[in-house]
Amino acid sequence: MCEQPVSTELDWSAVFLDYRDALIDTSNRIVGCRRRAEDVVQDAYIKITEMTELRGSVRQPVSYAFQVVRNLSIDRRRRLQFEQCHFVNEADASLHEISDGLSTPEHLAIQGQTLLALDRALSSLPERTRRAFEMYRLGDFTQKEIAQQMEVSPTLVNFMVKDALTACRQALFNQE
């Protein structure tokens, strides 16, 4: 592939339009969500076109575009992983806000929508997975106790709880 130097915004537009699907696919493999991948590609385009020092200095614009998309995708994935690690604490804090009576009507509406999204996510799970998750998060059972009551292995309980948490996280991220 022979690439010509890019010197104007119109040329960058052509690069991003010509390679849009491939750029999105590259990002999607890293971030794991096509919608987020499209956002990353858009961010990469904006970042590149706003960098005036690049004008005329990029020898391989397609490769450069792919590298920027990869770097931004990795950054986005790291940020998402960080947010997911703190998911449980934020959810607990939200439940406390709801119960403390100090929330504004707007916060209550947002929290109501969040609870509905979580309820839909949990309802879509297999009954056994949902029950294990509810026992673990709401019933304060240990995974070993849940395994004994459900007559399954503790490892299976661990996977069911993990699957339910993943479904809840995905529901919250799709709500954005």
N, C-alpha and C. Protein backbone atom coordinates (compact mmCIF):
# COMPACT_ATOMS: atom_id res chain seq x y z
N MET A 1 0.85 -1.16 0.00
CA MET A 1 0.00 0.00 0.00
C MET A 1 0.89 1.23 0.00
N CYS A 2 0.75 2.08 -1.00
CA CYS A 2 1.56 3.29 -1.10
C CYS A 2 0.74 4.45 -0.60
N GLU A 3 1.26 5.15 0.37
CA GLU A 3 0.51 6.25 0.97
C GLU A 3 1.16 7.58 0.65
N GLN A 4 0.34 8.58 0.41
CA GLN A 4 0.83 9.93 0.15
C GLN A 4 0.72 10.76 1.43
N PRO A 5 1.63 11.72 1.63
CA PRO A 5 1.53 12.57 2.81
C PRO A 5 0.21 13.34 2.82
N VAL A 6 -0.33 13.54 3.99
CA VAL A 6 -1.58 14.26 4.15
C VAL A 6 -1.26 15.65 4.66
N SER A 7 -1.85 16.67 4.04
CA SER A 7 -1.53 18.02 4.48
C SER A 7 -2.76 18.85 4.80
N THR A 8 -3.95 18.40 4.46
CA THR A 8 -5.14 19.19 4.75
C THR A 8 -6.18 18.34 5.46
N GLU A 9 -7.15 19.04 6.06
CA GLU A 9 -8.23 18.35 6.76
C GLU A 9 -9.06 17.50 5.79
N LEU A 10 -9.24 17.99 4.57
CA LEU A 10 -9.99 17.21 3.59
C LEU A 10 -9.32 15.87 3.32
N ASP A 11 -8.00 15.84 3.28
CA ASP A 11 -7.30 14.58 3.08
C ASP A 11 -7.55 13.64 4.26
N TRP A 12 -7.53 14.17 5.49
CA TRP A 12 -7.81 13.33 6.66
C TRP A 12 -9.23 12.81 6.60
N SER A 13 -10.15 13.64 6.14
CA SER A 13 -11.53 13.17 6.00
C SER A 13 -11.60 11.99 5.05
N ALA A 14 -10.86 12.07 3.95
CA ALA A 14 -10.85 10.97 2.98
C ALA A 14 -10.27 9.71 3.60
N VAL A 15 -9.18 9.85 4.37
CA VAL A 15 -8.57 8.69 5.02
C VAL A 15 -9.59 8.03 5.95
N PHE A 16 -10.25 8.83 6.78
CA PHE A 16 -11.18 8.27 7.75
C PHE A 16 -12.43 7.71 7.08
N LEU A 17 -12.87 8.32 5.99
CA LEU A 17 -14.03 7.77 5.28
C LEU A 17 -13.67 6.48 4.55
N ASP A 18 -12.52 6.46 3.90
CA ASP A 18 -12.10 5.27 3.15
C ASP A 18 -11.85 4.07 4.06
N TYR A 19 -11.34 4.31 5.25
CA TYR A 19 -10.95 3.22 6.16
C TYR A 19 -11.85 3.13 7.39
N ARG A 20 -13.01 3.77 7.31
CA ARG A 20 -13.90 3.84 8.47
C ARG A 20 -14.20 2.48 9.08
N ASP A 21 -14.67 1.55 8.27
CA ASP A 21 -15.04 0.22 8.80
C ASP A 21 -13.85 -0.49 9.42
N ALA A 22 -12.70 -0.42 8.76
CA ALA A 22 -11.51 -1.09 9.30
C ALA A 22 -11.05 -0.43 10.60
N LEU A 23 -11.15 0.90 10.67
CA LEU A 23 -10.78 1.60 11.91
C LEU A 23 -11.72 1.21 13.05
N ILE A 24 -13.01 1.15 12.75
CA ILE A 24 -14.00 0.76 13.77
C ILE A 24 -13.75 -0.67 14.20
N ASP A 25 -13.48 -1.57 13.26
CA ASP A 25 -13.20 -2.96 13.61
C ASP A 25 -11.97 -3.07 14.50
N THR A 26 -10.95 -2.30 14.19
CA THR A 26 -9.72 -2.31 15.01
C THR A 26 -10.04 -1.87 16.44
N SER A 27 -10.78 -0.80 16.57
CA SER A 27 -11.15 -0.31 17.89
C SER A 27 -12.08 -1.28 18.61
N ASN A 28 -13.02 -1.85 17.87
CA ASN A 28 -13.98 -2.78 18.46
C ASN A 28 -13.29 -4.00 19.07
N ARG A 29 -12.23 -4.48 18.43
CA ARG A 29 -11.49 -5.61 18.99
C ARG A 29 -10.87 -5.26 20.34
N ILE A 30 -10.59 -4.00 20.57
CA ILE A 30 -9.95 -3.58 21.82
C ILE A 30 -10.99 -3.21 22.87
N VAL A 31 -11.98 -2.39 22.49
CA VAL A 31 -12.96 -1.91 23.49
C VAL A 31 -14.14 -2.86 23.67
N GLY A 32 -14.39 -3.73 22.69
CA GLY A 32 -15.43 -4.74 22.85
C GLY A 32 -16.85 -4.26 22.65
N CYS A 33 -17.03 -3.08 22.07
CA CYS A 33 -18.38 -2.55 21.85
C CYS A 33 -18.33 -1.67 20.59
N ARG A 34 -19.15 -2.00 19.62
CA ARG A 34 -19.11 -1.26 18.35
C ARG A 34 -19.46 0.22 18.54
N ARG A 35 -20.42 0.51 19.39
CA ARG A 35 -20.81 1.90 19.63
C ARG A 35 -19.63 2.70 20.20
N ARG A 36 -18.94 2.10 21.17
CA ARG A 36 -17.77 2.77 21.75
C ARG A 36 -16.66 2.88 20.71
N ALA A 37 -16.52 1.87 19.87
CA ALA A 37 -15.50 1.90 18.83
C ALA A 37 -15.76 3.05 17.86
N GLU A 38 -17.02 3.27 17.50
CA GLU A 38 -17.35 4.40 16.63
C GLU A 38 -16.99 5.72 17.29
N ASP A 39 -17.24 5.82 18.59
CA ASP A 39 -16.87 7.02 19.34
C ASP A 39 -15.36 7.23 19.33
N VAL A 40 -14.61 6.15 19.48
CA VAL A 40 -13.15 6.24 19.48
C VAL A 40 -12.65 6.75 18.13
N VAL A 41 -13.21 6.21 17.05
CA VAL A 41 -12.79 6.64 15.71
C VAL A 41 -13.12 8.13 15.51
N GLN A 42 -14.27 8.55 15.98
CA GLN A 42 -14.64 9.97 15.90
C GLN A 42 -13.65 10.82 16.70
N ASP A 43 -13.31 10.37 17.90
CA ASP A 43 -12.34 11.09 18.73
C ASP A 43 -10.98 11.16 18.04
N ALA A 44 -10.58 10.07 17.39
CA ALA A 44 -9.29 10.05 16.68
C ALA A 44 -9.30 11.06 15.54
N TYR A 45 -10.39 11.11 14.81
CA TYR A 45 -10.50 12.08 13.71
C TYR A 45 -10.36 13.51 14.24
N ILE A 46 -11.09 13.80 15.30
CA ILE A 46 -11.04 15.15 15.87
C ILE A 46 -9.63 15.46 16.37
N LYS A 47 -9.03 14.51 17.05
CA LYS A 47 -7.68 14.72 17.59
C LYS A 47 -6.69 15.01 16.46
N ILE A 48 -6.74 14.22 15.41
CA ILE A 48 -5.80 14.40 14.30
C ILE A 48 -6.03 15.72 13.58
N THR A 49 -7.28 16.05 13.30
CA THR A 49 -7.55 17.27 12.54
C THR A 49 -7.27 18.53 13.36
N GLU A 50 -7.30 18.43 14.68
CA GLU A 50 -7.01 19.61 15.51
C GLU A 50 -5.52 19.81 15.75
N MET A 51 -4.71 18.83 15.38
CA MET A 51 -3.26 18.94 15.58
C MET A 51 -2.63 19.62 14.37
N THR A 52 -2.51 20.94 14.44
CA THR A 52 -1.99 21.70 13.29
C THR A 52 -0.54 21.38 12.99
N GLU A 53 0.22 20.92 13.98
CA GLU A 53 1.64 20.60 13.74
C GLU A 53 1.81 19.36 12.86
N LEU A 54 0.73 18.61 12.62
CA LEU A 54 0.81 17.42 11.77
C LEU A 54 0.79 17.76 10.28
N ARG A 55 0.29 18.92 9.95
CA ARG A 55 0.09 19.26 8.54
C ARG A 55 1.36 19.03 7.73
N GLY A 56 1.28 18.10 6.80
CA GLY A 56 2.38 17.83 5.90
C GLY A 56 3.49 16.98 6.48
N SER A 57 3.41 16.59 7.74
CA SER A 57 4.52 15.86 8.35
C SER A 57 4.26 14.36 8.47
N VAL A 58 3.07 13.90 8.19
CA VAL A 58 2.75 12.48 8.32
C VAL A 58 3.01 11.80 6.98
N ARG A 59 3.92 10.84 6.99
CA ARG A 59 4.29 10.16 5.74
C ARG A 59 3.33 9.03 5.39
N GLN A 60 2.77 8.39 6.40
CA GLN A 60 1.84 7.28 6.16
C GLN A 60 0.55 7.54 6.95
N PRO A 61 -0.35 8.32 6.35
CA PRO A 61 -1.55 8.75 7.08
C PRO A 61 -2.46 7.60 7.52
N VAL A 62 -2.58 6.56 6.71
CA VAL A 62 -3.45 5.45 7.09
C VAL A 62 -2.88 4.74 8.31
N SER A 63 -1.60 4.46 8.28
CA SER A 63 -0.96 3.82 9.43
C SER A 63 -1.06 4.69 10.67
N TYR A 64 -0.88 5.99 10.48
CA TYR A 64 -0.96 6.92 11.60
C TYR A 64 -2.38 6.92 12.18
N ALA A 65 -3.39 6.92 11.31
CA ALA A 65 -4.78 6.90 11.78
C ALA A 65 -5.06 5.63 12.57
N PHE A 66 -4.58 4.49 12.08
CA PHE A 66 -4.78 3.23 12.80
C PHE A 66 -4.08 3.26 14.16
N GLN A 67 -2.88 3.83 14.21
CA GLN A 67 -2.15 3.89 15.47
C GLN A 67 -2.86 4.78 16.48
N VAL A 68 -3.37 5.91 16.04
CA VAL A 68 -4.11 6.81 16.94
C VAL A 68 -5.36 6.11 17.45
N VAL A 69 -6.07 5.42 16.56
CA VAL A 69 -7.28 4.68 16.97
C VAL A 69 -6.92 3.59 17.98
N ARG A 70 -5.84 2.85 17.74
CA ARG A 70 -5.41 1.82 18.70
C ARG A 70 -5.09 2.43 20.06
N ASN A 71 -4.33 3.52 20.07
CA ASN A 71 -3.95 4.15 21.34
C ASN A 71 -5.17 4.67 22.10
N LEU A 72 -6.08 5.33 21.39
CA LEU A 72 -7.29 5.84 22.04
C LEU A 72 -8.17 4.68 22.53
N SER A 73 -8.21 3.60 21.78
CA SER A 73 -9.00 2.42 22.18
C SER A 73 -8.45 1.82 23.46
N ILE A 74 -7.14 1.71 23.54
CA ILE A 74 -6.51 1.18 24.76
C ILE A 74 -6.81 2.09 25.94
N ASP A 75 -6.72 3.40 25.73
CA ASP A 75 -7.05 4.34 26.81
C ASP A 75 -8.50 4.18 27.25
N ARG A 76 -9.41 4.04 26.27
CA ARG A 76 -10.83 3.90 26.59
C ARG A 76 -11.07 2.61 27.36
N ARG A 77 -10.43 1.52 26.94
CA ARG A 77 -10.60 0.23 27.63
C ARG A 77 -10.09 0.30 29.07
N ARG A 78 -8.94 0.94 29.26
CA ARG A 78 -8.41 1.08 30.62
C ARG A 78 -9.36 1.88 31.50
N ARG A 79 -9.92 2.95 30.94
CA ARG A 79 -10.86 3.77 31.71
C ARG A 79 -12.11 2.95 32.06
N LEU A 80 -12.62 2.18 31.11
CA LEU A 80 -13.79 1.35 31.37
C LEU A 80 -13.50 0.29 32.42
N GLN A 81 -12.32 -0.32 32.35
CA GLN A 81 -11.96 -1.32 33.36
C GLN A 81 -11.86 -0.69 34.74
N PHE A 82 -11.32 0.50 34.81
CA PHE A 82 -11.24 1.21 36.09
C PHE A 82 -12.65 1.48 36.62
N GLU A 83 -13.54 1.95 35.75
CA GLU A 83 -14.92 2.23 36.16
C GLU A 83 -15.62 0.96 36.61
N GLN A 84 -15.39 -0.15 35.91
CA GLN A 84 -16.03 -1.40 36.27
C GLN A 84 -15.54 -1.92 37.61
N CYS A 85 -14.29 -1.67 37.93
CA CYS A 85 -13.75 -2.10 39.23
C CYS A 85 -14.45 -1.38 40.37
N HIS A 86 -14.93 -0.17 40.10
CA HIS A 86 -15.58 0.63 41.14
C HIS A 86 -17.09 0.57 41.04
N PHE A 87 -17.61 -0.28 40.18
CA PHE A 87 -19.05 -0.40 39.94
C PHE A 87 -19.83 -0.72 41.20
N VAL A 88 -19.41 -1.70 41.95
CA VAL A 88 -20.16 -2.15 43.12
C VAL A 88 -20.25 -1.03 44.15
N ASN A 89 -19.14 -0.34 44.40
CA ASN A 89 -19.15 0.74 45.38
C ASN A 89 -20.07 1.87 44.95
N GLU A 90 -20.07 2.21 43.66
CA GLU A 90 -20.94 3.26 43.17
C GLU A 90 -22.40 2.85 43.28
N ALA A 91 -22.70 1.59 42.99
CA ALA A 91 -24.08 1.12 43.09
C ALA A 91 -24.55 1.18 44.54
N ASP A 92 -23.70 0.77 45.47
CA ASP A 92 -24.06 0.85 46.88
C ASP A 92 -24.29 2.30 47.29
N ALA A 93 -23.43 3.21 46.81
CA ALA A 93 -23.59 4.63 47.14
C ALA A 93 -24.90 5.16 46.58
N SER A 94 -25.26 4.73 45.36
CA SER A 94 -26.52 5.18 44.77
C SER A 94 -27.71 4.71 45.59
N LEU A 95 -27.66 3.48 46.07
CA LEU A 95 -28.76 2.97 46.88
C LEU A 95 -28.87 3.76 48.18
N HIS A 96 -27.74 4.15 48.76
CA HIS A 96 -27.78 4.95 49.98
C HIS A 96 -28.35 6.33 49.70
N GLU A 97 -28.02 6.92 48.54
CA GLU A 97 -28.57 8.22 48.18
C GLU A 97 -30.09 8.14 48.07
N ILE A 98 -30.58 7.06 47.46
CA ILE A 98 -32.02 6.91 47.30
C ILE A 98 -32.69 6.86 48.67
N SER A 99 -32.09 6.15 49.59
CA SER A 99 -32.73 5.96 50.88
C SER A 99 -32.53 7.12 51.84
N ASP A 100 -31.57 8.03 51.58
CA ASP A 100 -31.33 9.09 52.55
C ASP A 100 -32.28 10.27 52.41
N GLY A 101 -33.06 10.33 51.32
CA GLY A 101 -34.06 11.37 51.18
C GLY A 101 -33.49 12.72 50.80
N LEU A 102 -32.20 12.84 50.53
CA LEU A 102 -31.59 14.11 50.21
C LEU A 102 -31.43 14.32 48.71
N SER A 103 -31.87 13.39 47.91
CA SER A 103 -31.69 13.49 46.47
C SER A 103 -32.67 14.48 45.86
N THR A 104 -32.23 15.11 44.78
CA THR A 104 -33.10 16.02 44.05
C THR A 104 -34.04 15.19 43.17
N PRO A 105 -35.11 15.80 42.69
CA PRO A 105 -36.01 15.06 41.79
C PRO A 105 -35.29 14.52 40.55
N GLU A 106 -34.34 15.29 40.04
CA GLU A 106 -33.58 14.82 38.87
C GLU A 106 -32.78 13.57 39.21
N HIS A 107 -32.10 13.60 40.36
CA HIS A 107 -31.33 12.43 40.78
C HIS A 107 -32.24 11.22 41.00
N LEU A 108 -33.40 11.46 41.57
CA LEU A 108 -34.34 10.36 41.79
C LEU A 108 -34.80 9.76 40.47
N ALA A 109 -35.05 10.62 39.47
CA ALA A 109 -35.47 10.12 38.16
C ALA A 109 -34.36 9.30 37.51
N ILE A 110 -33.13 9.80 37.58
CA ILE A 110 -31.99 9.07 37.02
C ILE A 110 -31.80 7.75 37.73
N GLN A 111 -31.92 7.78 39.05
CA GLN A 111 -31.75 6.55 39.82
C GLN A 111 -32.87 5.56 39.53
N GLY A 112 -34.07 6.08 39.31
CA GLY A 112 -35.18 5.20 38.95
C GLY A 112 -34.93 4.52 37.61
N GLN A 113 -34.41 5.29 36.64
CA GLN A 113 -34.08 4.72 35.33
C GLN A 113 -32.96 3.68 35.46
N THR A 114 -32.00 3.98 36.33
CA THR A 114 -30.90 3.04 36.55
C THR A 114 -31.41 1.74 37.15
N LEU A 115 -32.29 1.85 38.14
CA LEU A 115 -32.85 0.65 38.76
C LEU A 115 -33.67 -0.15 37.75
N LEU A 116 -34.42 0.54 36.88
CA LEU A 116 -35.18 -0.17 35.85
C LEU A 116 -34.26 -0.90 34.88
N ALA A 117 -33.15 -0.25 34.49
CA ALA A 117 -32.19 -0.90 33.59
C ALA A 117 -31.59 -2.13 34.25
N LEU A 118 -31.26 -2.02 35.53
CA LEU A 118 -30.71 -3.16 36.26
C LEU A 118 -31.75 -4.28 36.39
N ASP A 119 -32.99 -3.90 36.66
CA ASP A 119 -34.06 -4.89 36.78
C ASP A 119 -34.26 -5.64 35.46
N ARG A 120 -34.23 -4.90 34.33
CA ARG A 120 -34.36 -5.54 33.03
C ARG A 120 -33.20 -6.50 32.76
N ALA A 121 -31.99 -6.05 33.13
CA ALA A 121 -30.81 -6.90 32.92
C ALA A 121 -30.92 -8.18 33.73
N LEU A 122 -31.34 -8.06 34.99
CA LEU A 122 -31.46 -9.23 35.85
C LEU A 122 -32.60 -10.14 35.38
N SER A 123 -33.68 -9.55 34.89
CA SER A 123 -34.81 -10.35 34.41
C SER A 123 -34.45 -11.15 33.16
N SER A 124 -33.49 -10.66 32.39
CA SER A 124 -33.10 -11.37 31.17
C SER A 124 -32.17 -12.55 31.43
N LEU A 125 -31.68 -12.66 32.65
CA LEU A 125 -30.76 -13.75 33.01
C LEU A 125 -31.51 -15.04 33.28
N PRO A 126 -30.84 -16.17 33.15
CA PRO A 126 -31.46 -17.43 33.57
C PRO A 126 -31.84 -17.35 35.05
N GLU A 127 -32.93 -18.00 35.41
CA GLU A 127 -33.46 -17.95 36.78
C GLU A 127 -32.40 -18.30 37.82
N ARG A 128 -31.64 -19.34 37.56
CA ARG A 128 -30.64 -19.79 38.53
C ARG A 128 -29.55 -18.74 38.73
N THR A 129 -29.12 -18.11 37.64
CA THR A 129 -28.09 -17.06 37.73
C THR A 129 -28.61 -15.86 38.50
N ARG A 130 -29.83 -15.44 38.17
CA ARG A 130 -30.43 -14.30 38.87
C ARG A 130 -30.57 -14.59 40.35
N ARG A 131 -31.05 -15.78 40.67
CA ARG A 131 -31.24 -16.15 42.07
C ARG A 131 -29.91 -16.17 42.84
N ALA A 132 -28.87 -16.72 42.23
CA ALA A 132 -27.55 -16.74 42.88
C ALA A 132 -27.05 -15.33 43.12
N PHE A 133 -27.23 -14.45 42.14
CA PHE A 133 -26.79 -13.06 42.28
C PHE A 133 -27.56 -12.35 43.39
N GLU A 134 -28.87 -12.53 43.41
CA GLU A 134 -29.68 -11.88 44.45
C GLU A 134 -29.32 -12.40 45.84
N MET A 135 -29.08 -13.68 45.95
CA MET A 135 -28.69 -14.24 47.25
C MET A 135 -27.34 -13.65 47.69
N TYR A 136 -26.44 -13.50 46.76
CA TYR A 136 -25.10 -13.01 47.08
C TYR A 136 -25.12 -11.51 47.40
N ARG A 137 -25.76 -10.71 46.55
CA ARG A 137 -25.73 -9.25 46.72
C ARG A 137 -26.77 -8.74 47.70
N LEU A 138 -27.95 -9.34 47.70
CA LEU A 138 -29.03 -8.82 48.54
C LEU A 138 -29.26 -9.64 49.80
N GLY A 139 -28.94 -10.92 49.75
CA GLY A 139 -29.20 -11.79 50.88
C GLY A 139 -28.01 -12.01 51.78
N ASP A 140 -26.87 -11.44 51.40
CA ASP A 140 -25.64 -11.58 52.20
C ASP A 140 -25.24 -13.04 52.44
N PHE A 141 -25.52 -13.91 51.48
CA PHE A 141 -25.06 -15.29 51.56
C PHE A 141 -23.64 -15.35 51.00
N THR A 142 -22.84 -16.25 51.52
CA THR A 142 -21.54 -16.50 50.91
C THR A 142 -21.75 -17.37 49.69
N GLN A 143 -20.76 -17.39 48.81
CA GLN A 143 -20.88 -18.22 47.63
C GLN A 143 -20.95 -19.70 48.00
N LYS A 144 -20.28 -20.07 49.06
CA LYS A 144 -20.32 -21.46 49.52
C LYS A 144 -21.72 -21.82 50.01
N GLU A 145 -22.36 -20.91 50.75
CA GLU A 145 -23.73 -21.16 51.23
C GLU A 145 -24.71 -21.26 50.06
N ILE A 146 -24.52 -20.39 49.08
CA ILE A 146 -25.38 -20.42 47.89
C ILE A 146 -25.21 -21.75 47.16
N ALA A 147 -23.97 -22.19 47.02
CA ALA A 147 -23.69 -23.46 46.35
C ALA A 147 -24.38 -24.62 47.06
N GLN A 148 -24.35 -24.61 48.39
CA GLN A 148 -24.99 -25.68 49.16
C GLN A 148 -26.51 -25.64 48.96
N GLN A 149 -27.10 -24.46 49.03
CA GLN A 149 -28.56 -24.34 48.88
C GLN A 149 -29.01 -24.71 47.47
N MET A 150 -28.22 -24.33 46.46
CA MET A 150 -28.61 -24.59 45.07
C MET A 150 -28.10 -25.95 44.58
N GLU A 151 -27.31 -26.61 45.40
CA GLU A 151 -26.74 -27.91 45.05
C GLU A 151 -25.90 -27.85 43.78
N VAL A 152 -25.01 -26.85 43.74
CA VAL A 152 -24.06 -26.70 42.65
C VAL A 152 -22.68 -26.42 43.26
N SER A 153 -21.67 -26.37 42.43
CA SER A 153 -20.32 -26.11 42.95
C SER A 153 -20.13 -24.62 43.24
N PRO A 154 -19.27 -24.30 44.20
CA PRO A 154 -18.96 -22.89 44.47
C PRO A 154 -18.38 -22.18 43.25
N THR A 155 -17.65 -22.91 42.42
CA THR A 155 -17.09 -22.32 41.20
C THR A 155 -18.20 -21.87 40.26
N LEU A 156 -19.23 -22.70 40.13
CA LEU A 156 -20.36 -22.33 39.28
C LEU A 156 -21.06 -21.10 39.83
N VAL A 157 -21.22 -21.03 41.14
CA VAL A 157 -21.83 -19.85 41.76
C VAL A 157 -21.00 -18.61 41.43
N ASN A 158 -19.69 -18.74 41.53
CA ASN A 158 -18.81 -17.62 41.22
C ASN A 158 -19.05 -17.14 39.79
N PHE A 159 -19.13 -18.07 38.83
CA PHE A 159 -19.37 -17.68 37.44
C PHE A 159 -20.75 -17.07 37.26
N MET A 160 -21.76 -17.59 37.94
CA MET A 160 -23.11 -17.03 37.82
C MET A 160 -23.15 -15.60 38.34
N VAL A 161 -22.52 -15.35 39.48
CA VAL A 161 -22.48 -14.00 40.05
C VAL A 161 -21.73 -13.07 39.11
N LYS A 162 -20.63 -13.56 38.57
CA LYS A 162 -19.84 -12.75 37.63
C LYS A 162 -20.66 -12.43 36.38
N ASP A 163 -21.38 -13.41 35.85
CA ASP A 163 -22.22 -13.17 34.67
C ASP A 163 -23.29 -12.12 34.96
N ALA A 164 -23.90 -12.20 36.13
CA ALA A 164 -24.93 -11.24 36.50
C ALA A 164 -24.34 -9.84 36.64
N LEU A 165 -23.18 -9.73 37.26
CA LEU A 165 -22.52 -8.43 37.39
C LEU A 165 -22.19 -7.85 36.02
N THR A 166 -21.71 -8.70 35.13
CA THR A 166 -21.38 -8.25 33.77
C THR A 166 -22.64 -7.74 33.06
N ALA A 167 -23.75 -8.44 33.21
CA ALA A 167 -25.01 -8.01 32.60
C ALA A 167 -25.45 -6.67 33.16
N CYS A 168 -25.30 -6.48 34.47
CA CYS A 168 -25.67 -5.21 35.10
C CYS A 168 -24.78 -4.08 34.60
N ARG A 169 -23.50 -4.32 34.53
CA ARG A 169 -22.57 -3.30 34.03
C ARG A 169 -22.92 -2.91 32.60
N GLN A 170 -23.17 -3.92 31.77
CA GLN A 170 -23.50 -3.65 30.37
C GLN A 170 -24.79 -2.84 30.27
N ALA A 171 -25.77 -3.15 31.10
CA ALA A 171 -27.02 -2.40 31.09
C ALA A 171 -26.78 -0.94 31.45
N LEU A 172 -25.91 -0.70 32.42
CA LEU A 172 -25.61 0.67 32.82
C LEU A 172 -24.85 1.42 31.74
N PHE A 173 -23.91 0.76 31.08
CA PHE A 173 -23.15 1.42 30.02
C PHE A 173 -24.02 1.67 28.80
N ASN A 174 -24.96 0.79 28.51
CA ASN A 174 -25.87 1.00 27.39
C ASN A 174 -26.87 2.11 27.67
N GLN A 175 -27.07 2.41 28.94
CA GLN A 175 -28.01 3.45 29.35
C GLN A 175 -27.48 4.84 29.03
N GLU A 176 -26.15 4.99 28.88
CA GLU A 176 -25.52 6.30 28.66
C GLU A 176 -26.13 7.02 27.52
